[in-house]
Amino acid sequence: MISAKPDILKSFRTLPGVGKSIAEDLWNMGYRSLDEMKSEDPEDMYLRLEELSGQHVDRCMLYVFRCVVYCVNTVKRDPHLEKWWNWKD
C-alpha cells in the first residue's frame, strides 16, 4: 500500500492533467489514493477546493476534476476524454 506523501503525489500525477500543483491540491483536499476519488462528484471537489483556498478557483479545475473522476473509474479510456479541456460545459 502506498502511504508516503511523495508516493501518493506521484500516483496522482499519473492522471491526465494532474501535475505537481494539482496533485498537491488533491492531497490538501484529503485524498490519499486514486480509489478515494472514484465516487466523488467533480462539482463538489471544485467547490471544496474553492473553500479550502478561500478564493475563486479557475473553472478549468472543474474540467480537470471531471477528467480525473472519469479516469479513476474507467479501465479502457477514450483518449479524447483524457484531455481535461474536452470536459468543458
PDB file of N, CA and C in Angstrom:
ATOM      1  N   MET A   1       0.841  -1.190   0.000  1.00  0.00           N
ATOM      2  CA  MET A   1       0.000   0.000   0.000  1.00  0.00           C
ATOM      3  C   MET A   1       0.878   1.244   0.000  1.00  0.00           C
ATOM      4  N   ILE A   2       0.535   2.203  -0.836  1.00  0.00           N
ATOM      5  CA  ILE A   2       1.262   3.466  -0.886  1.00  0.00           C
ATOM      6  C   ILE A   2       0.845   4.298   0.315  1.00  0.00           C
ATOM      7  N   SER A   3       1.825   4.795   1.071  1.00  0.00           N
ATOM      8  CA  SER A   3       1.442   5.572   2.240  1.00  0.00           C
ATOM      9  C   SER A   3       2.240   6.858   2.400  1.00  0.00           C
ATOM     10  N   ALA A   4       3.422   6.938   1.816  1.00  0.00           N
ATOM     11  CA  ALA A   4       4.237   8.137   1.961  1.00  0.00           C
ATOM     12  C   ALA A   4       3.727   9.223   1.016  1.00  0.00           C
ATOM     13  N   LYS A   5       3.684  10.453   1.516  1.00  0.00           N
ATOM     14  CA  LYS A   5       3.154  11.561   0.719  1.00  0.00           C
ATOM     15  C   LYS A   5       3.792  11.652  -0.667  1.00  0.00           C
ATOM     16  N   PRO A   6       5.129  11.580  -0.799  1.00  0.00           N
ATOM     17  CA  PRO A   6       5.708  11.673  -2.152  1.00  0.00           C
ATOM     18  C   PRO A   6       5.192  10.590  -3.102  1.00  0.00           C
ATOM     19  N   ASP A   7       4.983   9.387  -2.587  1.00  0.00           N
ATOM     20  CA  ASP A   7       4.464   8.298  -3.422  1.00  0.00           C
ATOM     21  C   ASP A   7       3.014   8.543  -3.832  1.00  0.00           C
ATOM     22  N   ILE A   8       2.238   9.074  -2.911  1.00  0.00           N
ATOM     23  CA  ILE A   8       0.837   9.370  -3.210  1.00  0.00           C
ATOM     24  C   ILE A   8       0.748  10.478  -4.251  1.00  0.00           C
ATOM     25  N   LEU A   9       1.537  11.538  -4.069  1.00  0.00           N
ATOM     26  CA  LEU A   9       1.535  12.633  -5.040  1.00  0.00           C
ATOM     27  C   LEU A   9       1.961  12.131  -6.416  1.00  0.00           C
ATOM     28  N   LYS A  10       2.926  11.232  -6.438  1.00  0.00           N
ATOM     29  CA  LYS A  10       3.385  10.652  -7.704  1.00  0.00           C
ATOM     30  C   LYS A  10       2.250   9.865  -8.373  1.00  0.00           C
ATOM     31  N   SER A  11       1.475   9.138  -7.586  1.00  0.00           N
ATOM     32  CA  SER A  11       0.349   8.384  -8.160  1.00  0.00           C
ATOM     33  C   SER A  11      -0.705   9.335  -8.724  1.00  0.00           C
ATOM     34  N   PHE A  12      -0.931  10.461  -8.059  1.00  0.00           N
ATOM     35  CA  PHE A  12      -1.889  11.451  -8.574  1.00  0.00           C
ATOM     36  C   PHE A  12      -1.415  12.000  -9.916  1.00  0.00           C
ATOM     37  N   ARG A  13      -0.112  12.185 -10.054  1.00  0.00           N
ATOM     38  CA  ARG A  13       0.438  12.758 -11.286  1.00  0.00           C
ATOM     39  C   ARG A  13       0.368  11.792 -12.469  1.00  0.00           C
ATOM     40  N   THR A  14      -0.049  10.560 -12.237  1.00  0.00           N
ATOM     41  CA  THR A  14      -0.252   9.629 -13.355  1.00  0.00           C
ATOM     42  C   THR A  14      -1.555   9.944 -14.091  1.00  0.00           C
ATOM     43  N   LEU A  15      -2.390  10.757 -13.487  1.00  0.00           N
ATOM     44  CA  LEU A  15      -3.670  11.121 -14.101  1.00  0.00           C
ATOM     45  C   LEU A  15      -3.473  12.233 -15.119  1.00  0.00           C
ATOM     46  N   PRO A  16      -4.179  12.170 -16.235  1.00  0.00           N
ATOM     47  CA  PRO A  16      -4.076  13.235 -17.237  1.00  0.00           C
ATOM     48  C   PRO A  16      -4.477  14.585 -16.638  1.00  0.00           C
ATOM     49  N   GLY A  17      -3.680  15.596 -16.923  1.00  0.00           N
ATOM     50  CA  GLY A  17      -3.982  16.945 -16.463  1.00  0.00           C
ATOM     51  C   GLY A  17      -3.529  17.257 -15.054  1.00  0.00           C
ATOM     52  N   VAL A  18      -2.969  16.270 -14.363  1.00  0.00           N
ATOM     53  CA  VAL A  18      -2.539  16.481 -12.978  1.00  0.00           C
ATOM     54  C   VAL A  18      -1.018  16.566 -12.919  1.00  0.00           C
ATOM     55  N   GLY A  19      -0.547  17.741 -12.554  1.00  0.00           N
ATOM     56  CA  GLY A  19       0.878  17.969 -12.344  1.00  0.00           C
ATOM     57  C   GLY A  19       1.139  18.157 -10.860  1.00  0.00           C
ATOM     58  N   LYS A  20       2.287  18.741 -10.542  1.00  0.00           N
ATOM     59  CA  LYS A  20       2.674  18.911  -9.136  1.00  0.00           C
ATOM     60  C   LYS A  20       1.660  19.728  -8.342  1.00  0.00           C
ATOM     61  N   SER A  21       1.224  20.841  -8.907  1.00  0.00           N
ATOM     62  CA  SER A  21       0.319  21.743  -8.193  1.00  0.00           C
ATOM     63  C   SER A  21      -1.041  21.097  -7.917  1.00  0.00           C
ATOM     64  N   ILE A  22      -1.616  20.469  -8.917  1.00  0.00           N
ATOM     65  CA  ILE A  22      -2.929  19.848  -8.731  1.00  0.00           C
ATOM     66  C   ILE A  22      -2.815  18.616  -7.840  1.00  0.00           C
ATOM     67  N   ALA A  23      -1.721  17.882  -7.945  1.00  0.00           N
ATOM     68  CA  ALA A  23      -1.501  16.745  -7.047  1.00  0.00           C
ATOM     69  C   ALA A  23      -1.485  17.235  -5.599  1.00  0.00           C
ATOM     70  N   GLU A  24      -0.832  18.353  -5.360  1.00  0.00           N
ATOM     71  CA  GLU A  24      -0.779  18.938  -4.012  1.00  0.00           C
ATOM     72  C   GLU A  24      -2.178  19.391  -3.581  1.00  0.00           C
ATOM     73  N   ASP A  25      -2.942  19.953  -4.510  1.00  0.00           N
ATOM     74  CA  ASP A  25      -4.329  20.338  -4.199  1.00  0.00           C
ATOM     75  C   ASP A  25      -5.131  19.115  -3.761  1.00  0.00           C
ATOM     76  N   LEU A  26      -4.997  18.016  -4.492  1.00  0.00           N
ATOM     77  CA  LEU A  26      -5.726  16.795  -4.148  1.00  0.00           C
ATOM     78  C   LEU A  26      -5.324  16.302  -2.760  1.00  0.00           C
ATOM     79  N   TRP A  27      -4.033  16.372  -2.457  1.00  0.00           N
ATOM     80  CA  TRP A  27      -3.542  15.996  -1.125  1.00  0.00           C
ATOM     81  C   TRP A  27      -4.190  16.890  -0.061  1.00  0.00           C
ATOM     82  N   ASN A  28      -4.170  18.200  -0.308  1.00  0.00           N
ATOM     83  CA  ASN A  28      -4.728  19.150   0.660  1.00  0.00           C
ATOM     84  C   ASN A  28      -6.234  18.988   0.830  1.00  0.00           C
ATOM     85  N   MET A  29      -6.883  18.429  -0.178  1.00  0.00           N
ATOM     86  CA  MET A  29      -8.319  18.160  -0.100  1.00  0.00           C
ATOM     87  C   MET A  29      -8.604  16.872   0.667  1.00  0.00           C
ATOM     88  N   GLY A  30      -7.564  16.148   1.052  1.00  0.00           N
ATOM     89  CA  GLY A  30      -7.726  14.965   1.887  1.00  0.00           C
ATOM     90  C   GLY A  30      -7.611  13.631   1.183  1.00  0.00           C
ATOM     91  N   TYR A  31      -7.336  13.632  -0.100  1.00  0.00           N
ATOM     92  CA  TYR A  31      -7.213  12.368  -0.830  1.00  0.00           C
ATOM     93  C   TYR A  31      -5.863  11.728  -0.547  1.00  0.00           C
ATOM     94  N   ARG A  32      -5.898  10.403  -0.361  1.00  0.00           N
ATOM     95  CA  ARG A  32      -4.672   9.658  -0.106  1.00  0.00           C
ATOM     96  C   ARG A  32      -4.507   8.482  -1.065  1.00  0.00           C
ATOM     97  N   SER A  33      -5.444   8.365  -1.997  1.00  0.00           N
ATOM     98  CA  SER A  33      -5.342   7.319  -3.023  1.00  0.00           C
ATOM     99  C   SER A  33      -6.240   7.685  -4.196  1.00  0.00           C
ATOM    100  N   LEU A  34      -5.964   7.074  -5.327  1.00  0.00           N
ATOM    101  CA  LEU A  34      -6.806   7.274  -6.507  1.00  0.00           C
ATOM    102  C   LEU A  34      -8.207   6.717  -6.265  1.00  0.00           C
ATOM    103  N   ASP A  35      -8.287   5.604  -5.559  1.00  0.00           N
ATOM    104  CA  ASP A  35      -9.582   4.973  -5.292  1.00  0.00           C
ATOM    105  C   ASP A  35     -10.528   5.888  -4.531  1.00  0.00           C
ATOM    106  N   GLU A  36      -9.986   6.750  -3.690  1.00  0.00           N
ATOM    107  CA  GLU A  36     -10.834   7.650  -2.901  1.00  0.00           C
ATOM    108  C   GLU A  36     -11.586   8.651  -3.773  1.00  0.00           C
ATOM    109  N   MET A  37     -11.144   8.823  -5.002  1.00  0.00           N
ATOM    110  CA  MET A  37     -11.796   9.784  -5.895  1.00  0.00           C
ATOM    111  C   MET A  37     -12.871   9.139  -6.768  1.00  0.00           C
ATOM    112  N   LYS A  38     -12.967   7.815  -6.733  1.00  0.00           N
ATOM    113  CA  LYS A  38     -13.881   7.105  -7.631  1.00  0.00           C
ATOM    114  C   LYS A  38     -15.338   7.518  -7.476  1.00  0.00           C
ATOM    115  N   SER A  39     -15.779   7.742  -6.278  1.00  0.00           N
ATOM    116  CA  SER A  39     -17.196   8.060  -6.058  1.00  0.00           C
ATOM    117  C   SER A  39     -17.443   9.558  -5.879  1.00  0.00           C
ATOM    118  N   GLU A  40     -16.440  10.362  -6.164  1.00  0.00           N
ATOM    119  CA  GLU A  40     -16.560  11.806  -5.957  1.00  0.00           C
ATOM    120  C   GLU A  40     -17.345  12.488  -7.072  1.00  0.00           C
ATOM    121  N   ASP A  41     -17.980  13.579  -6.718  1.00  0.00           N
ATOM    122  CA  ASP A  41     -18.670  14.439  -7.670  1.00  0.00           C
ATOM    123  C   ASP A  41     -17.704  15.577  -8.011  1.00  0.00           C
ATOM    124  N   PRO A  42     -17.325  15.729  -9.273  1.00  0.00           N
ATOM    125  CA  PRO A  42     -16.373  16.782  -9.644  1.00  0.00           C
ATOM    126  C   PRO A  42     -16.801  18.181  -9.205  1.00  0.00           C
ATOM    127  N   GLU A  43     -18.105  18.456  -9.248  1.00  0.00           N
ATOM    128  CA  GLU A  43     -18.608  19.765  -8.799  1.00  0.00           C
ATOM    129  C   GLU A  43     -18.306  19.968  -7.318  1.00  0.00           C
ATOM    130  N   ASP A  44     -18.531  18.931  -6.518  1.00  0.00           N
ATOM    131  CA  ASP A  44     -18.241  19.016  -5.084  1.00  0.00           C
ATOM    132  C   ASP A  44     -16.750  19.204  -4.839  1.00  0.00           C
ATOM    133  N   MET A  45     -15.935  18.513  -5.623  1.00  0.00           N
ATOM    134  CA  MET A  45     -14.481  18.662  -5.484  1.00  0.00           C
ATOM    135  C   MET A  45     -14.070  20.106  -5.765  1.00  0.00           C
ATOM    136  N   TYR A  46     -14.638  20.672  -6.818  1.00  0.00           N
ATOM    137  CA  TYR A  46     -14.336  22.047  -7.210  1.00  0.00           C
ATOM    138  C   TYR A  46     -14.732  23.029  -6.103  1.00  0.00           C
ATOM    139  N   LEU A  47     -15.939  22.873  -5.573  1.00  0.00           N
ATOM    140  CA  LEU A  47     -16.405  23.758  -4.507  1.00  0.00           C
ATOM    141  C   LEU A  47     -15.556  23.606  -3.245  1.00  0.00           C
ATOM    142  N   ARG A  48     -15.140  22.377  -2.951  1.00  0.00           N
ATOM    143  CA  ARG A  48     -14.283  22.137  -1.785  1.00  0.00           C
ATOM    144  C   ARG A  48     -12.933  22.822  -1.951  1.00  0.00           C
ATOM    145  N   LEU A  49     -12.380  22.773  -3.161  1.00  0.00           N
ATOM    146  CA  LEU A  49     -11.097  23.432  -3.412  1.00  0.00           C
ATOM    147  C   LEU A  49     -11.235  24.945  -3.258  1.00  0.00           C
ATOM    148  N   GLU A  50     -12.343  25.499  -3.746  1.00  0.00           N
ATOM    149  CA  GLU A  50     -12.572  26.940  -3.567  1.00  0.00           C
ATOM    150  C   GLU A  50     -12.647  27.291  -2.084  1.00  0.00           C
ATOM    151  N   GLU A  51     -13.350  26.467  -1.335  1.00  0.00           N
ATOM    152  CA  GLU A  51     -13.477  26.703   0.104  1.00  0.00           C
ATOM    153  C   GLU A  51     -12.119  26.606   0.793  1.00  0.00           C
ATOM    154  N   LEU A  52     -11.360  25.596   0.439  1.00  0.00           N
ATOM    155  CA  LEU A  52     -10.027  25.415   1.026  1.00  0.00           C
ATOM    156  C   LEU A  52      -9.095  26.572   0.712  1.00  0.00           C
ATOM    157  N   SER A  53      -9.136  27.042  -0.513  1.00  0.00           N
ATOM    158  CA  SER A  53      -8.222  28.103  -0.933  1.00  0.00           C
ATOM    159  C   SER A  53      -8.702  29.479  -0.479  1.00  0.00           C
ATOM    160  N   GLY A  54      -9.986  29.582  -0.149  1.00  0.00           N
ATOM    161  CA  GLY A  54     -10.524  30.854   0.301  1.00  0.00           C
ATOM    162  C   GLY A  54     -10.669  31.883  -0.801  1.00  0.00           C
ATOM    163  N   GLN A  55     -10.661  31.407  -2.025  1.00  0.00           N
ATOM    164  CA  GLN A  55     -10.799  32.326  -3.157  1.00  0.00           C
ATOM    165  C   GLN A  55     -11.395  31.593  -4.353  1.00  0.00           C
ATOM    166  N   HIS A  56     -11.753  32.380  -5.365  1.00  0.00           N
ATOM    167  CA  HIS A  56     -12.278  31.782  -6.593  1.00  0.00           C
ATOM    168  C   HIS A  56     -11.187  30.943  -7.255  1.00  0.00           C
ATOM    169  N   VAL A  57     -11.570  29.782  -7.739  1.00  0.00           N
ATOM    170  CA  VAL A  57     -10.660  28.896  -8.462  1.00  0.00           C
ATOM    171  C   VAL A  57     -11.120  28.866  -9.917  1.00  0.00           C
ATOM    172  N   ASP A  58     -10.175  28.970 -10.823  1.00  0.00           N
ATOM    173  CA  ASP A  58     -10.495  28.954 -12.252  1.00  0.00           C
ATOM    174  C   ASP A  58     -11.350  27.732 -12.582  1.00  0.00           C
ATOM    175  N   ARG A  59     -12.352  27.946 -13.409  1.00  0.00           N
ATOM    176  CA  ARG A  59     -13.290  26.879 -13.783  1.00  0.00           C
ATOM    177  C   ARG A  59     -12.594  25.702 -14.471  1.00  0.00           C
ATOM    178  N   CYS A  60     -11.429  25.929 -15.016  1.00  0.00           N
ATOM    179  CA  CYS A  60     -10.667  24.836 -15.640  1.00  0.00           C
ATOM    180  C   CYS A  60     -10.418  23.700 -14.651  1.00  0.00           C
ATOM    181  N   MET A  61     -10.335  24.035 -13.361  1.00  0.00           N
ATOM    182  CA  MET A  61     -10.129  22.987 -12.355  1.00  0.00           C
ATOM    183  C   MET A  61     -11.318  22.036 -12.310  1.00  0.00           C
ATOM    184  N   LEU A  62     -12.511  22.552 -12.523  1.00  0.00           N
ATOM    185  CA  LEU A  62     -13.689  21.681 -12.581  1.00  0.00           C
ATOM    186  C   LEU A  62     -13.527  20.683 -13.717  1.00  0.00           C
ATOM    187  N   TYR A  63     -13.036  21.152 -14.851  1.00  0.00           N
ATOM    188  CA  TYR A  63     -12.846  20.269 -16.006  1.00  0.00           C
ATOM    189  C   TYR A  63     -11.783  19.212 -15.710  1.00  0.00           C
ATOM    190  N   VAL A  64     -10.742  19.613 -14.998  1.00  0.00           N
ATOM    191  CA  VAL A  64      -9.707  18.655 -14.597  1.00  0.00           C
ATOM    192  C   VAL A  64     -10.319  17.610 -13.671  1.00  0.00           C
ATOM    193  N   PHE A  65     -11.117  18.044 -12.701  1.00  0.00           N
ATOM    194  CA  PHE A  65     -11.737  17.095 -11.775  1.00  0.00           C
ATOM    195  C   PHE A  65     -12.688  16.145 -12.503  1.00  0.00           C
ATOM    196  N   ARG A  66     -13.402  16.631 -13.502  1.00  0.00           N
ATOM    197  CA  ARG A  66     -14.265  15.743 -14.300  1.00  0.00           C
ATOM    198  C   ARG A  66     -13.424  14.676 -14.990  1.00  0.00           C
ATOM    199  N   CYS A  67     -12.315  15.101 -15.538  1.00  0.00           N
ATOM    200  CA  CYS A  67     -11.407  14.182 -16.219  1.00  0.00           C
ATOM    201  C   CYS A  67     -10.828  13.167 -15.233  1.00  0.00           C
ATOM    202  N   VAL A  68     -10.424  13.647 -14.065  1.00  0.00           N
ATOM    203  CA  VAL A  68      -9.840  12.780 -13.035  1.00  0.00           C
ATOM    204  C   VAL A  68     -10.833  11.699 -12.621  1.00  0.00           C
ATOM    205  N   VAL A  69     -12.056  12.092 -12.319  1.00  0.00           N
ATOM    206  CA  VAL A  69     -13.063  11.116 -11.880  1.00  0.00           C
ATOM    207  C   VAL A  69     -13.342  10.102 -12.989  1.00  0.00           C
ATOM    208  N   TYR A  70     -13.416  10.561 -14.220  1.00  0.00           N
ATOM    209  CA  TYR A  70     -13.583   9.641 -15.352  1.00  0.00           C
ATOM    210  C   TYR A  70     -12.423   8.641 -15.397  1.00  0.00           C
ATOM    211  N   CYS A  71     -11.205   9.145 -15.284  1.00  0.00           N
ATOM    212  CA  CYS A  71     -10.020   8.291 -15.432  1.00  0.00           C
ATOM    213  C   CYS A  71      -9.883   7.265 -14.311  1.00  0.00           C
ATOM    214  N   VAL A  72     -10.200   7.647 -13.078  1.00  0.00           N
ATOM    215  CA  VAL A  72     -10.068   6.672 -11.987  1.00  0.00           C
ATOM    216  C   VAL A  72     -11.170   5.619 -12.034  1.00  0.00           C
ATOM    217  N   ASN A  73     -12.216   5.883 -12.798  1.00  0.00           N
ATOM    218  CA  ASN A  73     -13.332   4.942 -12.897  1.00  0.00           C
ATOM    219  C   ASN A  73     -13.356   4.132 -14.182  1.00  0.00           C
ATOM    220  N   THR A  74     -12.454   4.409 -15.102  1.00  0.00           N
ATOM    221  CA  THR A  74     -12.528   3.803 -16.429  1.00  0.00           C
ATOM    222  C   THR A  74     -11.243   3.065 -16.776  1.00  0.00           C
ATOM    223  N   VAL A  75     -11.363   1.785 -17.046  1.00  0.00           N
ATOM    224  CA  VAL A  75     -10.198   0.980 -17.405  1.00  0.00           C
ATOM    225  C   VAL A  75      -9.791   1.256 -18.849  1.00  0.00           C
ATOM    226  N   LYS A  76     -10.725   1.107 -19.778  1.00  0.00           N
ATOM    227  CA  LYS A  76     -10.442   1.370 -21.199  1.00  0.00           C
ATOM    228  C   LYS A  76     -10.922   2.775 -21.529  1.00  0.00           C
ATOM    229  N   ARG A  77     -10.013   3.717 -21.386  1.00  0.00           N
ATOM    230  CA  ARG A  77     -10.364   5.129 -21.558  1.00  0.00           C
ATOM    231  C   ARG A  77     -10.376   5.554 -23.018  1.00  0.00           C
ATOM    232  N   ASP A  78     -11.284   6.447 -23.316  1.00  0.00           N
ATOM    233  CA  ASP A  78     -11.322   7.112 -24.613  1.00  0.00           C
ATOM    234  C   ASP A  78     -10.232   8.186 -24.585  1.00  0.00           C
ATOM    235  N   PRO A  79      -9.234   8.112 -25.470  1.00  0.00           N
ATOM    236  CA  PRO A  79      -8.145   9.103 -25.465  1.00  0.00           C
ATOM    237  C   PRO A  79      -8.643  10.545 -25.553  1.00  0.00           C
ATOM    238  N   HIS A  80      -9.749  10.752 -26.241  1.00  0.00           N
ATOM    239  CA  HIS A  80     -10.339  12.093 -26.345  1.00  0.00           C
ATOM    240  C   HIS A  80     -10.753  12.612 -24.964  1.00  0.00           C
ATOM    241  N   LEU A  81     -11.230  11.718 -24.112  1.00  0.00           N
ATOM    242  CA  LEU A  81     -11.710  12.110 -22.791  1.00  0.00           C
ATOM    243  C   LEU A  81     -10.597  12.183 -21.748  1.00  0.00           C
ATOM    244  N   GLU A  82      -9.377  11.862 -22.136  1.00  0.00           N
ATOM    245  CA  GLU A  82      -8.237  12.006 -21.228  1.00  0.00           C
ATOM    246  C   GLU A  82      -7.659  13.418 -21.276  1.00  0.00           C
ATOM    247  N   LYS A  83      -8.274  14.275 -22.054  1.00  0.00           N
ATOM    248  CA  LYS A  83      -7.845  15.674 -22.156  1.00  0.00           C
ATOM    249  C   LYS A  83      -8.862  16.516 -21.394  1.00  0.00           C
ATOM    250  N   TRP A  84      -8.405  17.204 -20.353  1.00  0.00           N
ATOM    251  CA  TRP A  84      -9.331  17.929 -19.476  1.00  0.00           C
ATOM    252  C   TRP A  84     -10.182  18.945 -20.222  1.00  0.00           C
ATOM    253  N   TRP A  85      -9.637  19.553 -21.275  1.00  0.00           N
ATOM    254  CA  TRP A  85     -10.386  20.596 -21.983  1.00  0.00           C
ATOM    255  C   TRP A  85     -11.585  20.035 -22.736  1.00  0.00           C
ATOM    256  N   ASN A  86     -11.641  18.730 -22.892  1.00  0.00           N
ATOM    257  CA  ASN A  86     -12.807  18.120 -23.521  1.00  0.00           C
ATOM    258  C   ASN A  86     -13.952  17.900 -22.527  1.00  0.00           C
ATOM    259  N   TRP A  87     -13.763  18.348 -21.295  1.00  0.00           N
ATOM    260  CA  TRP A  87     -14.787  18.224 -20.262  1.00  0.00           C
ATOM    261  C   TRP A  87     -15.469  19.563 -19.961  1.00  0.00           C
ATOM    262  N   LYS A  88     -15.264  20.544 -20.837  1.00  0.00           N
ATOM    263  CA  LYS A  88     -15.891  21.859 -20.632  1.00  0.00           C
ATOM    264  C   LYS A  88     -17.405  21.746 -20.719  1.00  0.00           C
ATOM    265  N   ASP A  89     -18.076  22.736 -20.128  1.00  0.00           N
ATOM    266  CA  ASP A  89     -19.548  22.793 -20.182  1.00  0.00           C
ATOM    267  C   ASP A  89     -20.022  22.950 -21.606  1.00  0.00           C
TER     268      ASP A  89
END
